[in-house]
Protein backbone atom coordinates (compact mmCIF):
# COMPACT_ATOMS: atom_id res chain seq x y z
CA MET A 1 293.87 271.01 184.63
CA ILE A 2 292.15 270.77 181.26
CA SER A 3 293.97 271.53 178.01
CA LYS A 4 294.54 275.12 176.95
CA LYS A 5 292.75 274.39 173.69
CA MET A 6 289.63 273.26 175.53
CA GLN A 7 289.83 276.30 177.81
CA ASN A 8 289.70 278.44 174.70
CA PHE A 9 286.94 276.35 173.15
CA ILE A 10 284.80 276.69 176.27
CA LYS A 11 285.01 280.47 175.95
CA ARG A 12 283.94 280.19 172.29
CA ALA A 13 281.29 277.54 172.93
CA SER A 14 278.02 277.74 171.10
CA TRP A 15 275.80 280.74 171.77
CA ILE A 16 272.90 278.54 170.74
CA ARG A 17 273.38 276.27 173.73
CA LYS A 18 274.03 279.22 176.06
CA MET A 19 270.70 280.78 175.14
CA PHE A 20 268.91 277.44 175.31
CA GLU A 21 270.19 276.94 178.84
CA GLU A 22 269.19 280.50 179.73
CA GLY A 23 265.73 279.66 178.45
CA ILE A 24 265.49 276.74 180.87
CA ARG A 25 266.37 279.10 183.74
CA LEU A 26 263.85 281.75 182.69
CA LYS A 27 261.06 279.22 182.18
CA LYS A 28 261.57 277.92 185.71
CA LYS A 29 261.40 281.50 187.01
CA TYR A 30 258.51 282.91 184.96
CA GLY A 31 256.75 279.81 183.64
CA PRO A 32 257.11 278.35 180.13
CA ASP A 33 254.17 280.36 178.72
CA ASN A 34 255.85 283.63 179.68
CA VAL A 35 259.17 283.03 177.90
CA PHE A 36 259.48 283.32 174.12
CA ASP A 37 262.23 280.92 173.21
CA PHE A 38 263.54 281.25 169.65
CA SER A 39 267.02 280.03 170.57
CA LEU A 40 267.28 276.41 169.47
CA GLY A 41 266.41 274.66 166.21
CA ASN A 42 264.50 272.03 168.17
CA PRO A 43 261.37 271.18 166.13
CA HIS A 44 258.14 271.67 168.03
CA MET A 45 256.07 269.40 165.80
CA PRO A 46 255.84 265.73 166.76
CA PRO A 47 257.24 263.15 164.34
CA PRO A 48 254.79 261.88 161.70
CA ASP A 49 252.50 259.01 162.68
CA GLU A 50 254.44 256.75 160.32
CA PHE A 51 257.44 257.06 162.64
CA TYR A 52 255.62 255.55 165.61
CA GLU A 53 254.23 252.80 163.41
CA ALA A 54 257.76 252.03 162.21
CA VAL A 55 259.09 251.96 165.78
CA LYS A 56 256.40 249.46 166.78
CA ARG A 57 257.26 247.34 163.75
CA GLU A 58 261.02 247.37 164.44
CA ILE A 59 261.30 247.48 168.23
CA LYS A 60 261.82 243.71 168.52
CA GLY A 61 264.29 243.51 165.67
CA GLY A 62 267.37 243.11 167.84
CA HIS A 63 269.83 245.57 169.34
CA GLY A 64 273.27 244.21 168.46
CA TYR A 65 276.11 245.95 166.65
CA THR A 66 275.81 246.35 162.91
CA GLU A 67 278.32 246.61 160.11
CA ASN A 68 280.43 249.73 160.60
CA ALA A 69 278.74 251.34 157.60
CA GLY A 70 275.30 250.50 159.00
CA LEU A 71 272.64 247.93 158.23
CA PHE A 72 272.91 246.78 154.62
CA GLU A 73 269.14 246.67 154.12
CA THR A 74 268.74 250.29 155.21
CA ARG A 75 271.66 251.44 153.06
CA GLU A 76 270.16 249.56 150.14
CA ILE A 77 266.85 251.38 150.57
CA ILE A 78 268.60 254.77 150.92
CA ALA A 79 270.64 254.06 147.78
CA SER A 80 267.43 253.29 145.88
CA TYR A 81 265.84 256.49 147.21
CA LEU A 82 268.84 258.62 146.17
CA THR A 83 268.91 256.99 142.74
CA LYS A 84 265.31 258.05 142.24
CA GLU A 85 265.85 261.50 143.78
CA HIS A 86 268.99 262.44 141.85
CA GLY A 87 268.86 260.38 138.67
CA ILE A 88 272.27 258.79 139.38
CA GLU A 89 272.73 255.12 140.27
CA PHE A 90 273.79 254.73 143.92
CA SER A 91 274.86 251.50 145.57
CA PRO A 92 274.61 250.65 149.29
CA ASP A 93 278.43 250.85 149.46
CA GLU A 94 278.24 254.61 148.86
CA ILE A 95 276.01 255.15 151.92
CA ILE A 96 277.22 255.23 155.53
CA LEU A 97 274.79 255.54 158.41
CA THR A 98 275.99 258.03 161.01
CA CYS A 99 275.15 259.52 164.40
CA GLY A 100 273.33 262.43 162.85
CA ALA A 101 274.78 265.04 160.53
CA ALA A 102 277.29 266.11 163.18
CA GLY A 103 278.65 262.57 163.37
CA GLY A 104 278.71 262.41 159.59
CA LEU A 105 280.72 265.63 159.28
CA ASN A 106 283.26 264.39 161.81
CA VAL A 107 283.58 261.14 159.88
CA ILE A 108 284.20 263.05 156.65
CA PHE A 109 286.80 265.38 158.17
CA LYS A 110 288.58 262.44 159.84
CA ALA A 111 288.72 260.67 156.47
CA LEU A 112 289.88 263.67 154.44
CA LEU A 113 292.05 266.03 156.42
CA ASN A 114 295.79 266.10 156.81
CA PRO A 115 297.23 268.47 159.45
CA GLU A 116 296.78 272.16 158.55
CA GLU A 117 294.71 271.50 155.44
CA GLU A 118 292.00 274.10 154.98
CA VAL A 119 288.24 273.83 154.78
CA ILE A 120 286.44 276.83 153.30
CA VAL A 121 283.20 277.75 155.06
CA PRO A 122 280.97 280.66 153.95
CA VAL A 123 279.68 282.91 156.73
CA PRO A 124 277.36 283.07 158.49
CA PHE A 125 277.73 279.42 159.45
CA PHE A 126 276.89 276.86 162.11
CA MET A 127 279.74 277.49 164.52
CA GLU A 128 280.27 273.84 165.41
CA TYR A 129 281.91 273.39 161.99
CA ALA A 130 285.01 275.11 163.38
CA PHE A 131 285.28 272.58 166.20
CA TYR A 132 284.64 269.61 163.93
CA ILE A 133 287.38 270.71 161.54
CA ASP A 134 289.80 271.30 164.41
CA ASN A 135 288.97 267.85 165.81
CA HIS A 136 290.81 266.36 162.85
CA GLY A 137 293.75 268.72 162.49
CA GLY A 138 292.32 270.95 159.81
CA LYS A 139 291.98 274.72 159.65
CA ILE A 140 288.75 276.54 158.95
CA LYS A 141 288.91 279.37 156.43
CA THR A 142 285.78 281.49 156.57
CA VAL A 143 284.74 283.55 153.56
CA LYS A 144 282.13 286.27 153.34
CA THR A 145 278.88 285.92 151.42
CA LYS A 146 276.89 288.51 149.50
CA ASP A 147 274.50 290.95 151.17
CA ASN A 148 271.64 288.52 150.51
CA PHE A 149 273.74 285.70 152.04
CA ASN A 150 274.19 283.98 148.70
CA LEU A 151 277.59 282.51 147.90
CA ASP A 152 280.20 285.03 146.75
CA LEU A 153 281.90 282.88 144.15
CA LYS A 154 284.70 285.37 143.47
CA VAL A 155 285.66 285.37 147.14
CA ILE A 156 285.61 281.57 147.22
CA ASN A 157 287.80 281.41 144.10
CA ASP A 158 290.25 283.93 145.58
CA ASN A 159 290.62 281.79 148.72
CA LEU A 160 291.38 278.49 146.99
CA ASN A 161 295.01 277.41 147.34
CA LEU A 162 297.16 274.29 147.48
CA SER A 163 296.11 273.70 151.10
CA THR A 164 292.38 273.73 150.35
CA LYS A 165 290.88 270.28 150.91
CA ALA A 166 287.16 270.95 151.00
CA ILE A 167 284.38 273.49 151.07
CA VAL A 168 281.33 273.07 153.29
CA ILE A 169 278.02 274.55 152.23
CA ASN A 170 274.74 274.31 154.10
CA SER A 171 271.55 274.67 152.05
CA PRO A 172 268.90 275.49 153.16
CA ASN A 173 271.14 277.47 155.43
CA ASN A 174 271.35 277.77 159.18
CA PRO A 175 271.11 280.63 160.26
CA THR A 176 269.91 282.58 157.20
CA GLY A 177 267.37 280.30 155.53
CA GLN A 178 269.11 281.01 152.21
CA VAL A 179 268.92 278.36 149.47
CA TYR A 180 271.67 278.00 146.87
CA LEU A 181 270.09 277.53 143.47
CA GLU A 182 271.30 275.43 140.55
CA GLU A 183 273.01 278.25 138.65
CA THR A 184 275.11 279.20 141.68
CA LEU A 185 276.13 275.61 142.36
CA LYS A 186 277.07 275.04 138.72
CA GLU A 187 279.32 278.10 138.79
CA LEU A 188 280.89 276.86 142.03
CA ALA A 189 281.52 273.45 140.44
CA MET A 190 283.22 275.12 137.48
CA ILE A 191 285.50 277.03 139.85
CA LEU A 192 286.46 273.86 141.74
CA GLU A 193 287.04 271.93 138.52
CA SER A 194 289.21 274.73 137.14
CA HIS A 195 291.23 274.68 140.37
CA ARG A 196 291.73 270.91 140.03
CA LYS A 197 292.98 271.26 136.47
CA LYS A 198 295.45 273.99 137.44
CA THR A 199 296.77 272.42 140.64
CA LYS A 200 296.01 268.66 140.27
CA LYS A 201 294.30 269.00 143.67
CA ILE A 202 290.73 267.87 144.31
CA VAL A 203 288.59 270.13 146.47
CA TYR A 204 285.71 268.12 147.92
CA LEU A 205 282.31 269.76 148.13
CA ILE A 206 280.60 268.78 151.37
CA LEU A 207 276.91 269.60 151.40
CA ASP A 208 275.29 269.65 154.83
CA GLU A 209 271.56 269.46 154.14
CA PRO A 210 269.39 268.32 157.04
CA TYR A 211 266.79 270.92 155.96
CA ARG A 212 266.44 269.69 152.37
CA LYS A 213 262.73 268.90 152.76
CA ILE A 214 261.93 272.17 154.56
CA VAL A 215 261.63 274.72 151.76
CA TYR A 216 259.05 277.38 150.98
CA ASP A 217 257.34 279.19 148.11
CA ASN A 218 257.41 276.05 145.92
CA ILE A 219 261.20 276.17 145.62
CA LYS A 220 262.76 272.99 144.27
CA LEU A 221 266.29 272.27 145.40
CA PRO A 222 268.80 271.19 142.75
CA SER A 223 270.71 267.92 142.90
CA ILE A 224 274.33 268.62 143.76
CA PHE A 225 275.13 265.08 142.58
CA GLN A 226 274.12 266.13 139.07
CA ILE A 227 276.50 269.09 139.25
CA TYR A 228 279.84 268.04 140.80
CA SER A 229 281.30 264.56 141.14
CA GLU A 230 283.65 265.21 144.08
CA THR A 231 280.66 265.65 146.39
CA ILE A 232 279.74 264.19 149.75
CA VAL A 233 276.28 264.90 151.13
CA VAL A 234 275.57 264.57 154.83
CA THR A 235 272.12 264.74 156.32
CA SER A 236 270.05 263.75 159.32
CA PHE A 237 266.43 263.10 160.19
CA SER A 238 266.44 265.53 163.12
CA LYS A 239 264.61 268.34 161.32
CA ASP A 240 262.39 266.87 158.61
CA LEU A 241 261.11 264.08 160.89
CA SER A 242 261.36 266.03 164.18
CA LEU A 243 263.78 263.43 165.54
CA ALA A 244 266.24 265.80 167.20
CA GLY A 245 268.05 263.79 169.86
CA GLU A 246 267.81 260.42 168.14
CA ARG A 247 271.17 261.04 166.40
CA ILE A 248 270.47 259.30 163.13
CA GLY A 249 271.63 260.38 159.69
CA TYR A 250 273.80 259.29 156.80
CA LEU A 251 276.44 260.44 154.40
CA ALA A 252 276.38 259.71 150.69
CA ILE A 253 279.49 259.70 148.51
CA HIS A 254 279.11 260.51 144.82
CA PRO A 255 279.21 257.28 142.77
CA HIS A 256 281.69 258.84 140.33
CA CYS A 257 284.01 260.34 142.96
CA PHE A 258 287.60 259.89 141.77
CA HIS A 259 289.04 258.24 144.92
CA LYS A 260 285.76 256.62 145.90
CA ALA A 261 287.04 253.26 147.18
CA GLU A 262 289.64 254.84 149.46
CA LEU A 263 287.19 257.47 150.68
CA ILE A 264 284.53 254.90 151.51
CA ALA A 265 287.03 252.75 153.40
CA ALA A 266 288.32 255.76 155.35
CA CYS A 267 284.82 256.94 156.28
CA ILE A 268 283.77 253.46 157.43
CA LEU A 269 286.84 253.18 159.64
CA ALA A 270 286.32 256.69 161.00
CA ASN A 271 282.71 255.82 161.82
CA ARG A 272 284.08 253.17 164.17
CA ILE A 273 287.23 254.66 165.66
CA LEU A 274 285.71 258.05 166.50
CA GLY A 275 283.79 256.23 169.20
CA PHE A 276 280.34 256.19 167.60
CA VAL A 277 280.62 252.45 166.78
CA ASN A 278 277.48 252.53 164.60
CA ALA A 279 274.48 254.79 164.52
CA PRO A 280 271.69 253.74 166.92
CA VAL A 281 270.50 250.41 165.57
CA LEU A 282 266.77 250.84 166.25
CA MET A 283 266.82 254.12 164.32
CA GLN A 284 268.77 252.44 161.50
CA ARG A 285 265.87 250.05 161.10
CA VAL A 286 263.17 252.68 161.50
CA ILE A 287 264.40 255.19 158.94
CA LYS A 288 264.23 252.72 156.07
CA HIS A 289 260.45 253.24 156.30
CA MET A 290 260.67 257.04 156.48
CA LEU A 291 262.56 258.25 153.41
CA GLU A 292 259.44 259.47 151.59
CA VAL A 293 257.96 261.02 154.74
CA SER A 294 258.47 264.39 156.43
CA VAL A 295 256.70 266.81 158.71
CA ASP A 296 254.40 269.34 157.07
CA SER A 297 256.69 272.22 156.07
CA LYS A 298 253.60 274.38 155.49
CA VAL A 299 253.41 274.73 159.28
CA TYR A 300 256.88 276.27 159.32
CA GLU A 301 256.04 278.41 156.29
CA LYS A 302 253.03 279.81 158.17
CA ASN A 303 255.25 280.52 161.18
CA ARG A 304 257.78 282.23 158.91
CA ASP A 305 255.14 284.49 157.41
CA LEU A 306 253.63 285.33 160.80
CA LEU A 307 257.02 286.21 162.30
CA CYS A 308 258.22 288.14 159.25
CA GLU A 309 255.02 290.17 158.96
CA GLY A 310 255.16 291.05 162.64
CA LEU A 311 258.82 292.06 162.69
CA SER A 312 258.61 293.93 159.39
CA ALA A 313 255.79 296.07 160.80
CA LEU A 314 258.09 296.89 163.72
CA GLY A 315 260.91 298.09 161.47
CA PHE A 316 263.21 295.08 161.56
CA SER A 317 265.24 294.36 158.41
CA PHE A 318 265.87 290.86 157.09
CA ILE A 319 266.14 288.59 154.05
CA LEU A 320 263.08 286.38 153.70
CA PRO A 321 264.22 282.79 154.38
CA LYS A 322 263.60 280.34 151.56
CA GLY A 323 264.06 277.22 153.67
CA ALA A 324 264.97 275.79 157.10
CA PHE A 325 263.23 277.45 160.06
CA TYR A 326 265.40 280.42 160.95
CA LEU A 327 265.14 284.16 160.48
CA PHE A 328 268.35 286.23 160.58
CA PRO A 329 267.40 289.91 161.02
CA LYS A 330 269.80 292.81 161.27
CA ALA A 331 270.19 294.09 164.81
CA PRO A 332 269.34 297.81 165.19
CA ILE A 333 272.75 298.38 166.81
CA ALA A 334 276.21 297.10 165.89
CA ASP A 335 276.57 295.24 169.19
CA ASP A 336 274.38 292.22 168.53
CA ILE A 337 275.20 290.66 171.90
CA SER A 338 273.91 293.73 173.76
CA PHE A 339 270.81 293.69 171.60
CA VAL A 340 270.14 290.01 172.33
CA GLN A 341 270.55 290.80 176.02
CA ALA A 342 267.94 293.55 175.63
CA LEU A 343 265.58 290.99 174.08
CA GLN A 344 266.32 288.66 176.96
CA LYS A 345 265.13 291.31 179.45
CA GLU A 346 261.77 291.03 177.70
CA ARG A 347 262.02 287.22 177.99
CA ILE A 348 262.68 286.81 174.26
CA LEU A 349 265.49 284.36 173.60
CA ALA A 350 267.50 284.80 170.40
CA VAL A 351 271.06 283.97 169.36
CA PRO A 352 273.51 286.76 168.45
CA GLY A 353 274.89 286.77 164.93
CA SER A 354 278.38 286.70 166.46
CA GLY A 355 277.60 283.07 167.29
CA PHE A 356 277.52 282.42 163.53
CA GLY A 357 280.54 284.53 162.61
CA THR A 358 278.39 287.52 161.59
CA PRO A 359 278.16 290.31 164.17
CA GLY A 360 275.33 292.80 163.81
CA TYR A 361 272.59 290.21 163.28
CA PHE A 362 270.55 287.85 165.44
CA ARG A 363 268.88 284.51 164.79
CA LEU A 364 265.32 283.49 165.60
CA ALA A 365 264.32 279.82 165.29
CA PHE A 366 260.63 279.77 164.37
CA CYS A 367 260.15 276.02 164.85
CA VAL A 368 257.88 276.92 167.77
CA LYS A 369 254.15 276.87 168.43
CA GLU A 370 252.30 279.62 166.59
CA ASP A 371 251.13 281.02 169.91
CA VAL A 372 254.73 281.74 170.94
CA ILE A 373 255.14 284.04 167.94
CA LYS A 374 251.83 285.80 168.51
CA LYS A 375 252.41 286.37 172.22
CA SER A 376 255.97 287.60 171.66
CA MET A 377 255.01 290.48 169.38
CA PRO A 378 254.11 293.04 172.10
CA TYR A 379 257.52 292.38 173.66
CA PHE A 380 259.32 292.75 170.32
CA GLU A 381 257.39 296.01 169.99
CA LYS A 382 258.77 297.26 173.31
CA VAL A 383 262.31 296.49 172.15
CA ALA A 384 261.70 298.07 168.73
CA TYR A 385 260.50 301.24 170.44
CA LYS A 386 263.47 301.28 172.80
CA PHE A 387 265.95 301.07 169.89
CA GLY A 388 264.18 303.63 167.72
CA LEU A 389 262.81 301.29 165.06
CA ILE A 390 259.32 302.67 165.71
CA SER A 391 258.09 305.77 167.48
């Protein structure tokens, strides 16, 4: 018999995956062109041509184990890239190659958390965070955000205590597409620094940013490294290079982090003993050629505008996403799960907001072919009519 904890986790398991699997079933039944699958953040665009060129160049480079932190040459190139990007001198020692952002987050939590220490997470949030934190004995403490899904700094401040070890923020955000701007992050840093001075306790700021290069309307993201020294950034190449499934990413520890040497050592050990035993070595070699490259985010911006214009005309309410490739509209009824099931009857696959800790909303991933959005609109219209959004 499996553990009681896992029994409970299975019941709470990701709605994203549930809807993705439902999509597979419906596509087999009705054909892939007759199902409108907005469930999974699985990029539809192929990787850039430079990726395939890099694979050809590196495929014969050997497939043995690397250093636990990853190939030195790749970390050296990433450090140089971050130095240029953020205006702070990074060294290869401050970079650890990981099995995607998920692997990186687990490494960080393994390195940081003592039993029962708390990690603050603003909602809505990627639900897997709760499992990752629990994996390493910590406790998630969710905090509400503002109506526009921006950080509510007063609420964060009110929830800091002696057990707080870290705060995780995700910008651009999944599921809302919200971007946290420099002024907000500076205020957050001031709150965390004030807490440290009062309590002698460091609260680490963990920034999960696999969507950093996918932003719209000419928005420029700030450098968190310029704002707060007790920062760890984790990222992957799954979204901006369309490499979902290759499980390659890295974490970067601020060069001026107070306990940097101990933190680096702990993360390197965690990267080994959690069972990853290095990120995939071919991808470690490939990504050193890809740091200045990304998919064309204008394609996603066009999809965003097409989807938003269509749903707005049908009476749906939402905050325009500034980045990532998700739209998080308000459901027309309080029961978001029932509403998502109504969409499903029209072969539209969405994820209920409950799956992100925010009932009453639903998420649409618009990293799909433009034709999927266009063909789905008559079916969204039927649902909008059924729920009284239009007459």
